[in-house]
Protein backbone atom coordinates (compact mmCIF):
# COMPACT_ATOMS: atom_id res chain seq x y z
CA MET A 1 -0.04 0.17 -0.08
CA ARG A 2 1.26 3.36 -1.16
CA LEU A 3 1.25 6.05 2.40
CA VAL A 4 0.86 9.68 1.94
CA LEU A 5 1.62 11.20 5.64
CA VAL A 6 0.78 15.29 5.15
CA GLY A 7 3.02 16.99 7.90
CA TRP A 8 6.24 16.15 9.13
CA GLY A 9 6.37 17.31 12.86
CA ALA A 10 6.30 14.37 15.88
CA ILE A 11 2.73 12.19 15.13
CA ALA A 12 4.86 11.44 11.29
CA GLN A 13 7.77 11.26 12.34
CA ARG A 14 6.86 8.11 14.70
CA VAL A 15 4.34 6.77 12.24
CA ALA A 16 7.06 6.63 9.19
CA GLY A 17 9.69 4.79 11.82
CA MET A 18 6.84 2.12 12.47
CA LEU A 19 5.57 1.02 9.30
CA PRO A 20 4.29 -2.24 8.77
CA ALA A 21 6.16 -5.11 6.37
CA GLY A 22 4.15 -3.89 2.82
CA VAL A 23 3.40 0.07 3.89
CA VAL A 24 4.92 2.37 1.02
CA LEU A 25 5.73 5.97 2.40
CA ALA A 26 5.47 7.69 -1.10
CA GLY A 27 5.56 10.65 0.06
CA VAL A 28 4.45 14.08 2.83
CA GLY A 29 3.16 17.11 2.40
CA LEU A 30 5.14 20.23 3.31
CA ARG A 31 4.65 23.36 3.60
CA PRO A 32 6.63 25.43 0.08
CA GLY A 33 9.83 25.74 1.11
CA SER A 34 9.99 23.81 4.14
CA GLY A 35 13.04 22.59 5.39
CA ALA A 36 12.47 19.51 6.77
CA VAL A 37 14.52 16.40 6.14
CA LEU A 38 13.06 13.31 4.60
CA PRO A 39 14.42 9.76 4.32
CA ALA A 40 15.48 8.96 1.13
CA GLY A 41 13.24 7.78 -1.90
CA VAL A 42 10.24 9.92 0.18
CA ALA A 43 8.66 12.58 -2.45
CA ARG A 44 8.27 16.34 -0.97
CA VAL A 45 4.87 17.29 -2.10
CA GLU A 46 4.55 21.02 -1.72
CA ALA A 47 0.71 21.09 -2.54
CA PRO A 48 -2.12 18.70 -2.60
CA GLU A 49 -2.66 18.78 -6.17
CA GLY A 50 0.47 16.61 -6.54
CA LEU A 51 -1.46 13.60 -4.42
CA ALA A 52 -3.07 12.11 -7.47
CA ALA A 53 1.12 11.75 -9.23
CA LEU A 54 1.75 9.49 -6.06
CA ALA A 55 -1.43 7.43 -6.72
CA PRO A 56 -1.57 6.81 -2.69
CA GLY A 57 -4.49 4.23 -1.43
CA LEU A 58 -3.96 6.13 2.25
CA VAL A 59 -3.41 9.82 2.84
CA ILE A 60 -2.65 10.31 7.32
CA GLU A 61 -3.33 14.65 7.60
CA ALA A 62 -0.70 15.45 10.73
CA ALA A 63 -0.05 19.01 9.92
CA GLY A 64 -2.65 20.71 11.92
CA ARG A 65 -6.81 21.94 11.59
CA ALA A 66 -6.13 24.08 8.23
CA ALA A 67 -4.54 21.10 6.14
CA VAL A 68 -7.35 18.56 6.44
CA ALA A 69 -10.01 20.47 3.98
CA PRO A 70 -7.88 20.81 0.43
CA TRP A 71 -5.56 17.65 1.70
CA GLY A 72 -8.53 15.72 2.26
CA MET A 73 -10.85 16.48 -0.68
CA ALA A 74 -6.98 16.39 -3.05
CA ALA A 75 -6.64 12.99 -1.12
CA LEU A 76 -10.41 11.72 -2.14
CA ALA A 77 -9.96 12.59 -5.73
CA ALA A 78 -7.08 11.06 -6.73
CA GLY A 79 -8.40 8.11 -4.79
CA ALA A 80 -7.00 7.54 -1.68
CA ASP A 81 -8.79 7.14 1.35
CA TYR A 82 -8.14 9.59 4.16
CA ALA A 83 -7.94 9.88 7.11
CA PRO A 84 -7.46 13.05 9.54
CA VAL A 85 -5.55 13.31 13.00
CA SER A 86 -6.51 16.98 13.17
CA THR A 87 -9.86 16.30 13.72
CA SER A 88 -10.64 19.81 15.98
CA ALA A 89 -11.57 20.62 12.33
CA LEU A 90 -14.42 18.97 11.48
CA THR A 91 -16.29 20.94 14.04
CA ASP A 92 -16.89 22.82 10.91
CA ALA A 93 -20.50 20.92 9.91
CA ALA A 94 -19.98 21.75 6.59
CA LEU A 95 -16.41 21.19 5.87
CA LEU A 96 -17.32 17.12 7.85
CA ALA A 97 -20.68 17.29 5.48
CA GLY A 98 -17.84 18.33 1.85
CA LEU A 99 -15.61 15.15 2.98
CA VAL A 100 -17.81 12.70 2.93
CA ALA A 101 -19.68 13.51 0.02
CA ALA A 102 -16.28 14.04 -1.52
CA ALA A 103 -15.58 9.93 -0.32
CA ARG A 104 -19.04 9.19 -1.39
CA ALA A 105 -18.90 9.85 -5.27
CA ALA A 106 -14.80 8.65 -5.06
CA GLY A 107 -16.20 5.19 -3.58
CA ARG A 108 -13.56 5.87 -0.36
CA GLN A 109 -13.67 6.37 2.83
CA VAL A 110 -13.08 8.93 5.36
CA LEU A 111 -11.33 7.29 8.43
CA ILE A 112 -11.53 8.88 11.92
CA PRO A 113 -8.80 6.95 14.53
CA PRO A 114 -9.49 6.99 17.67
CA GLY A 115 -6.47 8.47 18.35
CA ALA A 116 -5.09 8.88 22.07
CA LEU A 117 -8.25 7.09 23.12
CA GLY A 118 -10.07 3.31 24.59
CA GLY A 119 -13.54 2.22 23.91
CA ILE A 120 -14.08 4.70 20.49
CA ASP A 121 -15.44 1.10 19.24
CA ALA A 122 -18.14 0.15 21.81
CA LEU A 123 -19.46 4.10 22.47
CA ALA A 124 -20.13 4.01 18.40
CA ALA A 125 -21.52 0.28 18.75
CA ALA A 126 -23.88 1.50 21.35
CA ALA A 127 -24.52 4.36 19.78
CA ARG A 128 -27.04 2.08 17.35
CA LEU A 129 -29.12 2.16 20.39
CA PRO A 130 -30.52 5.44 22.42
CA LEU A 131 -28.20 7.24 23.90
CA ALA A 132 -28.71 9.54 27.10
CA ARG A 133 -25.07 11.04 28.18
CA VAL A 134 -21.65 10.80 26.98
CA ARG A 135 -19.18 12.78 29.01
CA HIS A 136 -15.40 13.24 28.20
CA GLU A 137 -12.91 14.16 31.17
CA ILE A 138 -9.42 15.38 29.32
CA VAL A 139 -6.36 15.73 32.62
CA LYS A 140 -3.12 16.78 31.45
CA PRO A 141 -0.09 18.10 33.73
CA PRO A 142 -0.34 22.34 33.50
CA ALA A 143 2.87 22.37 32.09
CA ALA A 144 0.82 20.08 29.20
CA TRP A 145 -1.40 23.33 28.86
CA ARG A 146 0.67 25.73 28.70
CA GLY A 147 0.52 28.06 25.66
CA THR A 148 -2.77 27.29 25.09
CA GLU A 149 -6.61 29.54 26.96
CA ALA A 150 -5.89 27.57 30.01
CA GLU A 151 -3.29 29.91 30.78
CA ALA A 152 -6.09 32.86 31.72
CA LEU A 153 -8.71 30.61 32.99
CA CYS A 154 -6.10 29.65 35.99
CA ASP A 155 -2.38 30.37 37.70
CA LEU A 156 -1.16 26.75 35.49
CA GLY A 157 2.06 27.69 37.77
CA ALA A 158 0.27 28.05 41.30
CA LEU A 159 -1.64 24.61 41.48
CA ALA A 160 -0.89 22.46 44.36
CA ALA A 161 -5.08 20.19 43.59
CA PRO A 162 -6.78 19.35 40.49
CA VAL A 163 -8.82 22.44 39.02
CA THR A 164 -11.33 21.87 36.25
CA PHE A 165 -10.92 25.18 34.50
CA TRP A 166 -13.28 24.60 31.27
CA GLN A 167 -16.40 22.76 30.85
CA GLY A 168 -18.48 22.46 27.81
CA PRO A 169 -20.01 21.30 24.47
CA ALA A 170 -17.07 18.86 22.33
CA ALA A 171 -17.30 21.42 19.28
CA GLU A 172 -16.24 24.52 21.20
CA ALA A 173 -13.88 22.10 23.77
CA ALA A 174 -12.44 21.05 20.50
CA ALA A 175 -12.58 24.60 18.69
CA ARG A 176 -10.53 26.71 21.41
CA PHE A 177 -8.23 24.14 22.38
CA PRO A 178 -7.20 22.05 19.34
CA GLN A 179 -3.75 20.64 20.71
CA ASN A 180 -5.22 19.22 23.48
CA ALA A 181 -8.80 18.72 23.29
CA ASN A 182 -9.06 17.73 19.68
CA VAL A 183 -9.59 14.41 20.69
CA ALA A 184 -13.03 15.29 22.03
CA ALA A 185 -14.07 15.78 18.36
CA ILE A 186 -13.30 11.64 17.72
CA SER A 187 -15.48 11.07 20.99
CA ALA A 188 -18.39 13.51 20.40
CA LEU A 189 -18.21 11.61 16.25
CA ALA A 190 -18.85 8.47 17.88
CA GLY A 191 -21.58 8.74 20.53
CA LEU A 192 -23.76 11.83 21.12
CA GLY A 193 -22.46 14.84 18.33
CA MET A 194 -20.30 17.78 18.93
CA ALA A 195 -22.98 19.69 20.55
CA GLY A 196 -24.44 16.60 22.94
CA THR A 197 -20.99 15.47 24.71
CA GLU A 198 -20.37 16.80 27.09
CA VAL A 199 -16.25 17.55 27.47
CA ALA A 200 -14.23 18.95 31.14
CA LEU A 201 -10.56 19.86 30.68
CA VAL A 202 -8.47 19.43 33.79
CA ALA A 203 -5.51 20.88 34.87
CA ASP A 204 -3.60 18.15 37.41
CA PRO A 205 0.31 19.02 38.83
CA GLY A 206 0.09 15.42 40.44
CA ALA A 207 -0.47 14.16 36.41
CA ALA A 208 1.88 12.51 35.58
CA ARG A 209 0.74 11.55 31.90
CA ASN A 210 -2.40 12.16 29.83
CA ALA A 211 -5.83 11.09 31.15
CA HIS A 212 -8.64 10.19 29.86
CA ARG A 213 -11.89 9.95 31.21
CA LEU A 214 -14.65 8.57 29.15
CA THR A 215 -18.15 7.46 30.25
CA ALA A 216 -21.32 7.30 28.78
CA THR A 217 -24.90 5.94 29.70
CA GLY A 218 -27.82 4.63 27.10
CA ASP A 219 -30.17 1.97 26.37
CA PHE A 220 -27.00 -0.29 25.56
CA GLY A 221 -26.28 -0.33 29.69
CA ALA A 222 -22.80 1.65 31.30
CA LEU A 223 -19.97 2.58 29.62
CA SER A 224 -16.40 3.63 31.34
CA VAL A 225 -13.06 3.72 30.60
CA VAL A 226 -9.63 5.46 31.72
CA LEU A 227 -6.51 5.98 30.02
CA GLU A 228 -3.82 7.12 31.27
CA ASN A 229 -1.12 7.51 28.31
CA ARG A 230 1.97 8.82 28.02
CA PRO A 231 3.02 12.11 26.77
CA MET A 232 5.40 11.61 23.65
CA ALA A 233 8.75 12.77 24.03
CA THR A 234 8.89 15.37 21.55
CA ASN A 235 5.86 17.30 21.89
CA PRO A 236 3.81 16.58 25.39
CA LYS A 237 0.58 18.16 24.36
CA THR A 238 0.42 14.60 22.23
CA SER A 239 0.03 11.11 23.65
CA GLU A 240 2.07 8.03 22.51
CA LEU A 241 -0.85 6.40 21.63
CA THR A 242 -2.23 8.96 19.56
CA ALA A 243 0.89 7.91 16.83
CA LEU A 244 0.37 4.51 17.57
CA SER A 245 -3.65 4.15 16.57
CA LEU A 246 -3.00 5.22 13.17
CA VAL A 247 -0.19 2.29 12.79
CA ARG A 248 -2.88 0.32 13.42
CA LEU A 249 -5.37 2.06 11.30
CA ILE A 250 -2.71 1.00 8.49
CA ALA A 251 -2.46 -2.27 9.60
CA ASN A 252 -5.92 -2.45 9.06
CA ARG A 253 -5.68 -1.39 6.04
CA ILE A 254 -3.30 -4.11 4.94
CA ASP A 255 -3.47 -7.40 7.06
CA PRO A 256 -5.44 -10.22 6.76
CA LEU A 257 -6.23 -10.05 10.00
CA ALA A 258 -8.18 -6.59 10.93
CA ILE A 259 -8.73 -6.41 15.21
């Protein structure tokens, strides 16, 4: 399978270093003039229109929200399946609808990776029956919230105990905290949607890892999942599991046994 990664940051480089046998990294989408150093034999693609020439089977975006629409539409038009990592962009209902329509027209798929979450398969299955409530709590060390709006909502440097500094719908969480709460869009898409999914953001000075606490109730019963993810060494705002979930997604496209 020919794979193209859009972006060459911490996530993309981690994925590229763990590709399963049978997958060829055909190219990497980059901003024009980027100084990124790519592995030998990997093509530089500086515009979405260049995807078609590489004939990819799968395109994975890991370059930020602004890249989701142009690279996604080009990937689907080129006959590839498309997996966006910057799922906070999908809080834009028109963009999401446009990608789905383009995938339908091309006979391809938009694939939503579970990212740093677990239990998304169970939540999506449970949503086949009416859901009553879905709550997603994101807990990270204060350092992981630096450089975000959290700095204006609480004193990150003076915390002595966990503080829930923001609560609201998934759509707003993912839009206002795209680096840290991007994953809220995933739980929303799997369950009650962007407006119906409750999100709480917590800064915990005692936390050494990024944690997600996902709970749901409905006609299916009740679900409770807690993950404590190790932050990626090269980007503490992102969990190691985010890259690993992409490696699994890739493997599931080619392995005879998919889990």
